[in-house]
Amino acid sequence: MARERIEILVAGALKEQDAALASRRAHLAKKIAMRHRVRMPYEIRQLYCKKCKAFIVPGRTARVRVGRSGTKAVRVTCALCGHTYRKVISKSSHYKDL
């Protein structure tokens, strides 16, 4: 039941135009997960900054870029603290999607 509520709050936060309200909803989702000791799904965990723990909405509060170097990676830069982290895209996962 807690996991369903977390998913509802995060989905609402992603659709929300007001940044303060979206941040509040995301904070509530994180509080529910901690209180009930429920691990957040991977897709939702990626929406929090690794440094300042703020809620990241791709395109609004974060810049998302695809790397062009030898290793393919998605770079996410938090607009609030400026921290950049990478998610490496492996070749095996690329071929599974095709």
PDB file of N, CA and C in Angstrom:
ATOM      1  N   MET A   1       0.826  -1.178   0.000  1.00  0.00           N
ATOM      2  CA  MET A   1       0.000   0.000   0.000  1.00  0.00           C
ATOM      3  C   MET A   1       0.884   1.261   0.000  1.00  0.00           C
ATOM      4  N   ALA A   2       1.991   1.218   0.740  1.00  0.00           N
ATOM      5  CA  ALA A   2       2.902   2.361   0.781  1.00  0.00           C
ATOM      6  C   ALA A   2       3.547   2.577  -0.582  1.00  0.00           C
ATOM      7  N   ARG A   3       3.905   1.499  -1.255  1.00  0.00           N
ATOM      8  CA  ARG A   3       4.538   1.614  -2.575  1.00  0.00           C
ATOM      9  C   ARG A   3       3.577   2.256  -3.582  1.00  0.00           C
ATOM     10  N   GLU A   4       2.292   1.899  -3.514  1.00  0.00           N
ATOM     11  CA  GLU A   4       1.300   2.501  -4.415  1.00  0.00           C
ATOM     12  C   GLU A   4       1.186   4.002  -4.159  1.00  0.00           C
ATOM     13  N   ARG A   5       1.186   4.386  -2.885  1.00  0.00           N
ATOM     14  CA  ARG A   5       1.080   5.800  -2.534  1.00  0.00           C
ATOM     15  C   ARG A   5       2.301   6.573  -3.006  1.00  0.00           C
ATOM     16  N   ILE A   6       3.469   5.954  -2.888  1.00  0.00           N
ATOM     17  CA  ILE A   6       4.710   6.584  -3.361  1.00  0.00           C
ATOM     18  C   ILE A   6       4.625   6.826  -4.868  1.00  0.00           C
ATOM     19  N   GLU A   7       4.171   5.829  -5.608  1.00  0.00           N
ATOM     20  CA  GLU A   7       4.063   5.967  -7.067  1.00  0.00           C
ATOM     21  C   GLU A   7       3.071   7.048  -7.452  1.00  0.00           C
ATOM     22  N   ILE A   8       1.960   7.159  -6.719  1.00  0.00           N
ATOM     23  CA  ILE A   8       0.955   8.189  -6.997  1.00  0.00           C
ATOM     24  C   ILE A   8       1.536   9.583  -6.738  1.00  0.00           C
ATOM     25  N   LEU A   9       2.237   9.742  -5.611  1.00  0.00           N
ATOM     26  CA  LEU A   9       2.820  11.045  -5.277  1.00  0.00           C
ATOM     27  C   LEU A   9       3.885  11.468  -6.280  1.00  0.00           C
ATOM     28  N   VAL A  10       4.735  10.546  -6.694  1.00  0.00           N
ATOM     29  CA  VAL A  10       5.796  10.893  -7.646  1.00  0.00           C
ATOM     30  C   VAL A  10       5.208  11.202  -9.024  1.00  0.00           C
ATOM     31  N   ALA A  11       4.198  10.437  -9.435  1.00  0.00           N
ATOM     32  CA  ALA A  11       3.552  10.723 -10.726  1.00  0.00           C
ATOM     33  C   ALA A  11       2.912  12.110 -10.709  1.00  0.00           C
ATOM     34  N   GLY A  12       2.293  12.464  -9.603  1.00  0.00           N
ATOM     35  CA  GLY A  12       1.707  13.798  -9.464  1.00  0.00           C
ATOM     36  C   GLY A  12       2.765  14.886  -9.451  1.00  0.00           C
ATOM     37  N   ALA A  13       3.898  14.596  -8.827  1.00  0.00           N
ATOM     38  CA  ALA A  13       4.984  15.577  -8.770  1.00  0.00           C
ATOM     39  C   ALA A  13       5.583  15.810 -10.152  1.00  0.00           C
ATOM     40  N   LEU A  14       5.662  14.772 -10.967  1.00  0.00           N
ATOM     41  CA  LEU A  14       6.208  14.927 -12.322  1.00  0.00           C
ATOM     42  C   LEU A  14       5.283  15.753 -13.212  1.00  0.00           C
ATOM     43  N   LYS A  15       3.976  15.656 -12.987  1.00  0.00           N
ATOM     44  CA  LYS A  15       3.006  16.397 -13.800  1.00  0.00           C
ATOM     45  C   LYS A  15       2.813  17.830 -13.316  1.00  0.00           C
ATOM     46  N   GLU A  16       3.172  18.091 -12.068  1.00  0.00           N
ATOM     47  CA  GLU A  16       2.931  19.392 -11.442  1.00  0.00           C
ATOM     48  C   GLU A  16       3.771  20.497 -12.092  1.00  0.00           C
ATOM     49  N   GLN A  17       3.136  21.644 -12.342  1.00  0.00           N
ATOM     50  CA  GLN A  17       3.834  22.796 -12.919  1.00  0.00           C
ATOM     51  C   GLN A  17       4.533  23.629 -11.851  1.00  0.00           C
ATOM     52  N   ASP A  18       3.963  23.679 -10.642  1.00  0.00           N
ATOM     53  CA  ASP A  18       4.546  24.446  -9.549  1.00  0.00           C
ATOM     54  C   ASP A  18       5.693  23.648  -8.927  1.00  0.00           C
ATOM     55  N   ALA A  19       6.901  24.200  -8.955  1.00  0.00           N
ATOM     56  CA  ALA A  19       8.084  23.486  -8.477  1.00  0.00           C
ATOM     57  C   ALA A  19       8.025  23.222  -6.971  1.00  0.00           C
ATOM     58  N   ALA A  20       7.475  24.148  -6.208  1.00  0.00           N
ATOM     59  CA  ALA A  20       7.407  23.970  -4.756  1.00  0.00           C
ATOM     60  C   ALA A  20       6.466  22.826  -4.389  1.00  0.00           C
ATOM     61  N   LEU A  21       5.341  22.761  -5.061  1.00  0.00           N
ATOM     62  CA  LEU A  21       4.375  21.694  -4.785  1.00  0.00           C
ATOM     63  C   LEU A  21       4.918  20.335  -5.230  1.00  0.00           C
ATOM     64  N   ALA A  22       5.609  20.309  -6.363  1.00  0.00           N
ATOM     65  CA  ALA A  22       6.204  19.063  -6.841  1.00  0.00           C
ATOM     66  C   ALA A  22       7.265  18.576  -5.859  1.00  0.00           C
ATOM     67  N   SER A  23       8.064  19.494  -5.342  1.00  0.00           N
ATOM     68  CA  SER A  23       9.091  19.139  -4.372  1.00  0.00           C
ATOM     69  C   SER A  23       8.466  18.611  -3.088  1.00  0.00           C
ATOM     70  N   ARG A  24       7.375  19.210  -2.653  1.00  0.00           N
ATOM     71  CA  ARG A  24       6.680  18.769  -1.436  1.00  0.00           C
ATOM     72  C   ARG A  24       6.135  17.350  -1.613  1.00  0.00           C
ATOM     73  N   ARG A  25       5.526  17.080  -2.765  1.00  0.00           N
ATOM     74  CA  ARG A  25       4.998  15.734  -3.020  1.00  0.00           C
ATOM     75  C   ARG A  25       6.111  14.689  -3.033  1.00  0.00           C
ATOM     76  N   ALA A  26       7.221  15.025  -3.646  1.00  0.00           N
ATOM     77  CA  ALA A  26       8.352  14.097  -3.707  1.00  0.00           C
ATOM     78  C   ALA A  26       8.936  13.867  -2.316  1.00  0.00           C
ATOM     79  N   HIS A  27       8.977  14.926  -1.511  1.00  0.00           N
ATOM     80  CA  HIS A  27       9.479  14.789  -0.142  1.00  0.00           C
ATOM     81  C   HIS A  27       8.564  13.874   0.672  1.00  0.00           C
ATOM     82  N   LEU A  28       7.252  14.017   0.493  1.00  0.00           N
ATOM     83  CA  LEU A  28       6.301  13.139   1.185  1.00  0.00           C
ATOM     84  C   LEU A  28       6.486  11.684   0.768  1.00  0.00           C
ATOM     85  N   ALA A  29       6.728  11.459  -0.521  1.00  0.00           N
ATOM     86  CA  ALA A  29       6.937  10.100  -1.014  1.00  0.00           C
ATOM     87  C   ALA A  29       8.168   9.486  -0.363  1.00  0.00           C
ATOM     88  N   LYS A  30       9.228  10.269  -0.242  1.00  0.00           N
ATOM     89  CA  LYS A  30      10.454   9.766   0.371  1.00  0.00           C
ATOM     90  C   LYS A  30      10.251   9.487   1.859  1.00  0.00           C
ATOM     91  N   LYS A  31       9.484  10.348   2.524  1.00  0.00           N
ATOM     92  CA  LYS A  31       9.187  10.149   3.940  1.00  0.00           C
ATOM     93  C   LYS A  31       8.373   8.873   4.166  1.00  0.00           C
ATOM     94  N   ILE A  32       7.415   8.614   3.295  1.00  0.00           N
ATOM     95  CA  ILE A  32       6.599   7.400   3.404  1.00  0.00           C
ATOM     96  C   ILE A  32       7.471   6.169   3.230  1.00  0.00           C
ATOM     97  N   ALA A  33       8.376   6.217   2.270  1.00  0.00           N
ATOM     98  CA  ALA A  33       9.269   5.075   2.028  1.00  0.00           C
ATOM     99  C   ALA A  33      10.152   4.807   3.241  1.00  0.00           C
ATOM    100  N   MET A  34      10.656   5.860   3.858  1.00  0.00           N
ATOM    101  CA  MET A  34      11.520   5.680   5.025  1.00  0.00           C
ATOM    102  C   MET A  34      10.721   5.205   6.241  1.00  0.00           C
ATOM    103  N   ARG A  35       9.541   5.751   6.424  1.00  0.00           N
ATOM    104  CA  ARG A  35       8.732   5.390   7.586  1.00  0.00           C
ATOM    105  C   ARG A  35       8.312   3.924   7.542  1.00  0.00           C
ATOM    106  N   HIS A  36       7.931   3.455   6.356  1.00  0.00           N
ATOM    107  CA  HIS A  36       7.443   2.081   6.214  1.00  0.00           C
ATOM    108  C   HIS A  36       8.531   1.106   5.765  1.00  0.00           C
ATOM    109  N   ARG A  37       9.744   1.605   5.664  1.00  0.00           N
ATOM    110  CA  ARG A  37      10.898   0.795   5.267  1.00  0.00           C
ATOM    111  C   ARG A  37      10.646   0.040   3.965  1.00  0.00           C
ATOM    112  N   VAL A  38      10.187   0.793   2.979  1.00  0.00           N
ATOM    113  CA  VAL A  38       9.920   0.266   1.640  1.00  0.00           C
ATOM    114  C   VAL A  38      10.978   0.825   0.703  1.00  0.00           C
ATOM    115  N   ARG A  39      11.592  -0.041  -0.062  1.00  0.00           N
ATOM    116  CA  ARG A  39      12.592   0.417  -1.018  1.00  0.00           C
ATOM    117  C   ARG A  39      11.881   1.010  -2.234  1.00  0.00           C
ATOM    118  N   MET A  40      12.302   2.203  -2.606  1.00  0.00           N
ATOM    119  CA  MET A  40      11.708   2.856  -3.775  1.00  0.00           C
ATOM    120  C   MET A  40      12.145   2.132  -5.039  1.00  0.00           C
ATOM    121  N   PRO A  41      11.273   2.062  -6.035  1.00  0.00           N
ATOM    122  CA  PRO A  41      11.684   1.462  -7.314  1.00  0.00           C
ATOM    123  C   PRO A  41      12.825   2.257  -7.943  1.00  0.00           C
ATOM    124  N   TYR A  42      13.615   1.596  -8.770  1.00  0.00           N
ATOM    125  CA  TYR A  42      14.804   2.207  -9.373  1.00  0.00           C
ATOM    126  C   TYR A  42      14.459   3.459 -10.170  1.00  0.00           C
ATOM    127  N   GLU A  43      13.378   3.426 -10.925  1.00  0.00           N
ATOM    128  CA  GLU A  43      12.991   4.565 -11.766  1.00  0.00           C
ATOM    129  C   GLU A  43      12.706   5.796 -10.911  1.00  0.00           C
ATOM    130  N   ILE A  44      12.143   5.586  -9.730  1.00  0.00           N
ATOM    131  CA  ILE A  44      11.831   6.707  -8.847  1.00  0.00           C
ATOM    132  C   ILE A  44      13.090   7.200  -8.141  1.00  0.00           C
ATOM    133  N   ARG A  45      13.964   6.293  -7.732  1.00  0.00           N
ATOM    134  CA  ARG A  45      15.209   6.692  -7.062  1.00  0.00           C
ATOM    135  C   ARG A  45      16.068   7.561  -7.965  1.00  0.00           C
ATOM    136  N   GLN A  46      16.006   7.352  -9.274  1.00  0.00           N
ATOM    137  CA  GLN A  46      16.798   8.146 -10.206  1.00  0.00           C
ATOM    138  C   GLN A  46      16.318   9.585 -10.280  1.00  0.00           C
ATOM    139  N   LEU A  47      15.146   9.877  -9.760  1.00  0.00           N
ATOM    140  CA  LEU A  47      14.588  11.225  -9.817  1.00  0.00           C
ATOM    141  C   LEU A  47      15.011  12.102  -8.641  1.00  0.00           C
ATOM    142  N   TYR A  48      15.917  11.621  -7.806  1.00  0.00           N
ATOM    143  CA  TYR A  48      16.434  12.403  -6.690  1.00  0.00           C
ATOM    144  C   TYR A  48      17.911  12.670  -6.922  1.00  0.00           C
ATOM    145  N   CYS A  49      18.345  13.896  -6.640  1.00  0.00           N
ATOM    146  CA  CYS A  49      19.754  14.255  -6.802  1.00  0.00           C
ATOM    147  C   CYS A  49      20.586  13.471  -5.798  1.00  0.00           C
ATOM    148  N   LYS A  50      21.723  12.984  -6.234  1.00  0.00           N
ATOM    149  CA  LYS A  50      22.580  12.180  -5.370  1.00  0.00           C
ATOM    150  C   LYS A  50      23.316  13.036  -4.334  1.00  0.00           C
ATOM    151  N   LYS A  51      23.426  14.346  -4.583  1.00  0.00           N
ATOM    152  CA  LYS A  51      24.169  15.217  -3.681  1.00  0.00           C
ATOM    153  C   LYS A  51      23.249  15.978  -2.730  1.00  0.00           C
ATOM    154  N   CYS A  52      22.301  16.752  -3.284  1.00  0.00           N
ATOM    155  CA  CYS A  52      21.455  17.591  -2.434  1.00  0.00           C
ATOM    156  C   CYS A  52      20.124  16.931  -2.087  1.00  0.00           C
ATOM    157  N   LYS A  53      19.853  15.765  -2.632  1.00  0.00           N
ATOM    158  CA  LYS A  53      18.642  14.971  -2.360  1.00  0.00           C
ATOM    159  C   LYS A  53      17.357  15.667  -2.808  1.00  0.00           C
ATOM    160  N   ALA A  54      17.457  16.643  -3.685  1.00  0.00           N
ATOM    161  CA  ALA A  54      16.284  17.349  -4.187  1.00  0.00           C
ATOM    162  C   ALA A  54      15.617  16.520  -5.281  1.00  0.00           C
ATOM    163  N   PHE A  55      14.337  16.767  -5.505  1.00  0.00           N
ATOM    164  CA  PHE A  55      13.587  16.067  -6.544  1.00  0.00           C
ATOM    165  C   PHE A  55      13.965  16.659  -7.897  1.00  0.00           C
ATOM    166  N   ILE A  56      14.267  15.784  -8.843  1.00  0.00           N
ATOM    167  CA  ILE A  56      14.692  16.215 -10.167  1.00  0.00           C
ATOM    168  C   ILE A  56      13.600  15.905 -11.184  1.00  0.00           C
ATOM    169  N   VAL A  57      13.162  16.934 -11.887  1.00  0.00           N
ATOM    170  CA  VAL A  57      12.246  16.754 -13.007  1.00  0.00           C
ATOM    171  C   VAL A  57      13.067  16.981 -14.264  1.00  0.00           C
ATOM    172  N   PRO A  58      13.321  15.927 -15.044  1.00  0.00           N
ATOM    173  CA  PRO A  58      14.157  16.093 -16.238  1.00  0.00           C
ATOM    174  C   PRO A  58      13.597  17.177 -17.162  1.00  0.00           C
ATOM    175  N   GLY A  59      14.465  18.096 -17.533  1.00  0.00           N
ATOM    176  CA  GLY A  59      14.068  19.187 -18.413  1.00  0.00           C
ATOM    177  C   GLY A  59      13.702  20.450 -17.669  1.00  0.00           C
ATOM    178  N   ARG A  60      13.263  20.343 -16.418  1.00  0.00           N
ATOM    179  CA  ARG A  60      12.902  21.526 -15.641  1.00  0.00           C
ATOM    180  C   ARG A  60      13.926  21.827 -14.556  1.00  0.00           C
ATOM    181  N   THR A  61      14.217  20.853 -13.713  1.00  0.00           N
ATOM    182  CA  THR A  61      15.171  21.080 -12.629  1.00  0.00           C
ATOM    183  C   THR A  61      16.460  20.304 -12.841  1.00  0.00           C
ATOM    184  N   ALA A  62      16.624  19.750 -14.022  1.00  0.00           N
ATOM    185  CA  ALA A  62      17.861  19.034 -14.343  1.00  0.00           C
ATOM    186  C   ALA A  62      18.079  19.044 -15.849  1.00  0.00           C
ATOM    187  N   ARG A  63      19.351  18.973 -16.216  1.00  0.00           N
ATOM    188  CA  ARG A  63      19.715  18.885 -17.628  1.00  0.00           C
ATOM    189  C   ARG A  63      20.141  17.440 -17.883  1.00  0.00           C
ATOM    190  N   VAL A  64      19.591  16.833 -18.926  1.00  0.00           N
ATOM    191  CA  VAL A  64      19.901  15.446 -19.250  1.00  0.00           C
ATOM    192  C   VAL A  64      20.570  15.419 -20.619  1.00  0.00           C
ATOM    193  N   ARG A  65      21.759  14.851 -20.677  1.00  0.00           N
ATOM    194  CA  ARG A  65      22.522  14.781 -21.921  1.00  0.00           C
ATOM    195  C   ARG A  65      22.962  13.355 -22.174  1.00  0.00           C
ATOM    196  N   VAL A  66      23.122  12.999 -23.434  1.00  0.00           N
ATOM    197  CA  VAL A  66      23.653  11.695 -23.812  1.00  0.00           C
ATOM    198  C   VAL A  66      25.110  11.888 -24.186  1.00  0.00           C
ATOM    199  N   GLY A  67      26.000  11.127 -23.538  1.00  0.00           N
ATOM    200  CA  GLY A  67      27.433  11.265 -23.767  1.00  0.00           C
ATOM    201  C   GLY A  67      27.853  10.715 -25.114  1.00  0.00           C
ATOM    202  N   ARG A  68      28.887  11.313 -25.707  1.00  0.00           N
ATOM    203  CA  ARG A  68      29.367  10.888 -27.013  1.00  0.00           C
ATOM    204  C   ARG A  68      30.755  10.253 -26.941  1.00  0.00           C
ATOM    205  N   SER A  69      31.238   9.985 -25.757  1.00  0.00           N
ATOM    206  CA  SER A  69      32.574   9.412 -25.630  1.00  0.00           C
ATOM    207  C   SER A  69      32.540   7.916 -25.948  1.00  0.00           C
ATOM    208  N   GLY A  70      33.645   7.226 -25.682  1.00  0.00           N
ATOM    209  CA  GLY A  70      33.732   5.786 -25.956  1.00  0.00           C
ATOM    210  C   GLY A  70      32.695   4.978 -25.194  1.00  0.00           C
ATOM    211  N   THR A  71      32.440   5.358 -23.945  1.00  0.00           N
ATOM    212  CA  THR A  71      31.402   4.684 -23.182  1.00  0.00           C
ATOM    213  C   THR A  71      30.128   5.514 -23.256  1.00  0.00           C
ATOM    214  N   LYS A  72      29.067   4.917 -23.695  1.00  0.00           N
ATOM    215  CA  LYS A  72      27.802   5.626 -23.810  1.00  0.00           C
ATOM    216  C   LYS A  72      27.193   5.790 -22.429  1.00  0.00           C
ATOM    217  N   ALA A  73      26.829   7.011 -22.103  1.00  0.00           N
ATOM    218  CA  ALA A  73      26.269   7.290 -20.789  1.00  0.00           C
ATOM    219  C   ALA A  73      25.294   8.456 -20.882  1.00  0.00           C
ATOM    220  N   VAL A  74      24.345   8.462 -19.959  1.00  0.00           N
ATOM    221  CA  VAL A  74      23.422   9.579 -19.819  1.00  0.00           C
ATOM    222  C   VAL A  74      23.928  10.413 -18.655  1.00  0.00           C
ATOM    223  N   ARG A  75      24.133  11.715 -18.895  1.00  0.00           N
ATOM    224  CA  ARG A  75      24.611  12.613 -17.851  1.00  0.00           C
ATOM    225  C   ARG A  75      23.461  13.469 -17.361  1.00  0.00           C
ATOM    226  N   VAL A  76      23.260  13.494 -16.050  1.00  0.00           N
ATOM    227  CA  VAL A  76      22.202  14.289 -15.439  1.00  0.00           C
ATOM    228  C   VAL A  76      22.859  15.343 -14.562  1.00  0.00           C
ATOM    229  N   THR A  77      22.539  16.618 -14.811  1.00  0.00           N
ATOM    230  CA  THR A  77      23.090  17.722 -14.034  1.00  0.00           C
ATOM    231  C   THR A  77      21.957  18.389 -13.273  1.00  0.00           C
ATOM    232  N   CYS A  78      22.071  18.419 -11.961  1.00  0.00           N
ATOM    233  CA  CYS A  78      21.068  19.041 -11.103  1.00  0.00           C
ATOM    234  C   CYS A  78      21.156  20.558 -11.273  1.00  0.00           C
ATOM    235  N   ALA A  79      20.024  21.211 -11.473  1.00  0.00           N
ATOM    236  CA  ALA A  79      20.009  22.660 -11.649  1.00  0.00           C
ATOM    237  C   ALA A  79      20.148  23.392 -10.315  1.00  0.00           C
ATOM    238  N   LEU A  80      19.894  22.707  -9.211  1.00  0.00           N
ATOM    239  CA  LEU A  80      19.954  23.353  -7.902  1.00  0.00           C
ATOM    240  C   LEU A  80      21.375  23.395  -7.334  1.00  0.00           C
ATOM    241  N   CYS A  81      22.081  22.252  -7.380  1.00  0.00           N
ATOM    242  CA  CYS A  81      23.419  22.212  -6.785  1.00  0.00           C
ATOM    243  C   CYS A  81      24.528  22.087  -7.831  1.00  0.00           C
ATOM    244  N   GLY A  82      24.182  21.761  -9.075  1.00  0.00           N
ATOM    245  CA  GLY A  82      25.175  21.660 -10.132  1.00  0.00           C
ATOM    246  C   GLY A  82      25.894  20.327 -10.197  1.00  0.00           C
ATOM    247  N   HIS A  83      25.504  19.373  -9.356  1.00  0.00           N
ATOM    248  CA  HIS A  83      26.154  18.061  -9.344  1.00  0.00           C
ATOM    249  C   HIS A  83      25.792  17.283 -10.608  1.00  0.00           C
ATOM    250  N   THR A  84      26.809  16.657 -11.224  1.00  0.00           N
ATOM    251  CA  THR A  84      26.602  15.859 -12.426  1.00  0.00           C
ATOM    252  C   THR A  84      26.914  14.409 -12.117  1.00  0.00           C
ATOM    253  N   TYR A  85      26.009  13.517 -12.494  1.00  0.00           N
ATOM    254  CA  TYR A  85      26.282  12.102 -12.348  1.00  0.00           C
ATOM    255  C   TYR A  85      25.888  11.387 -13.632  1.00  0.00           C
ATOM    256  N   ARG A  86      26.504  10.221 -13.843  1.00  0.00           N
ATOM    257  CA  ARG A  86      26.325   9.501 -15.100  1.00  0.00           C
ATOM    258  C   ARG A  86      25.664   8.155 -14.860  1.00  0.00           C
ATOM    259  N   LYS A  87      24.866   7.744 -15.827  1.00  0.00           N
ATOM    260  CA  LYS A  87      24.281   6.413 -15.856  1.00  0.00           C
ATOM    261  C   LYS A  87      24.798   5.764 -17.137  1.00  0.00           C
ATOM    262  N   VAL A  88      25.688   4.777 -16.987  1.00  0.00           N
ATOM    263  CA  VAL A  88      26.310   4.126 -18.139  1.00  0.00           C
ATOM    264  C   VAL A  88      25.298   3.215 -18.810  1.00  0.00           C
ATOM    265  N   ILE A  89      25.232   3.305 -20.128  1.00  0.00           N
ATOM    266  CA  ILE A  89      24.341   2.462 -20.922  1.00  0.00           C
ATOM    267  C   ILE A  89      25.170   1.317 -21.464  1.00  0.00           C
ATOM    268  N   SER A  90      24.849   0.107 -21.033  1.00  0.00           N
ATOM    269  CA  SER A  90      25.614  -1.054 -21.499  1.00  0.00           C
ATOM    270  C   SER A  90      25.084  -1.526 -22.849  1.00  0.00           C
ATOM    271  N   LYS A  91      25.939  -2.189 -23.608  1.00  0.00           N
ATOM    272  CA  LYS A  91      25.539  -2.687 -24.917  1.00  0.00           C
ATOM    273  C   LYS A  91      24.517  -3.799 -24.793  1.00  0.00           C
ATOM    274  N   SER A  92      24.638  -4.617 -23.758  1.00  0.00           N
ATOM    275  CA  SER A  92      23.721  -5.750 -23.611  1.00  0.00           C
ATOM    276  C   SER A  92      22.279  -5.276 -23.407  1.00  0.00           C
ATOM    277  N   SER A  93      22.063  -4.184 -22.629  1.00  0.00           N
ATOM    278  CA  SER A  93      20.722  -3.687 -22.440  1.00  0.00           C
ATOM    279  C   SER A  93      20.177  -3.042 -23.712  1.00  0.00           C
ATOM    280  N   HIS A  94      21.083  -2.476 -24.534  1.00  0.00           N
ATOM    281  CA  HIS A  94      20.662  -1.867 -25.787  1.00  0.00           C
ATOM    282  C   HIS A  94      20.124  -2.935 -26.742  1.00  0.00           C
ATOM    283  N   TYR A  95      20.774  -4.072 -26.807  1.00  0.00           N
ATOM    284  CA  TYR A  95      20.330  -5.115 -27.709  1.00  0.00           C
ATOM    285  C   TYR A  95      19.076  -5.818 -27.220  1.00  0.00           C
ATOM    286  N   LYS A  96      18.800  -5.791 -25.930  1.00  0.00           N
ATOM    287  CA  LYS A  96      17.589  -6.399 -25.413  1.00  0.00           C
ATOM    288  C   LYS A  96      16.357  -5.618 -25.857  1.00  0.00           C
ATOM    289  N   ASP A  97      16.505  -4.282 -25.948  1.00  0.00           N
ATOM    290  CA  ASP A  97      15.371  -3.431 -26.315  1.00  0.00           C
ATOM    291  C   ASP A  97      15.034  -3.566 -27.791  1.00  0.00           C
ATOM    292  N   LEU A  98      15.984  -3.944 -28.624  1.00  0.00           N
ATOM    293  CA  LEU A  98      15.739  -4.054 -30.060  1.00  0.00           C
ATOM    294  C   LEU A  98      15.070  -5.329 -30.367  1.00  0.00           C
TER     295      LEU A  98
END
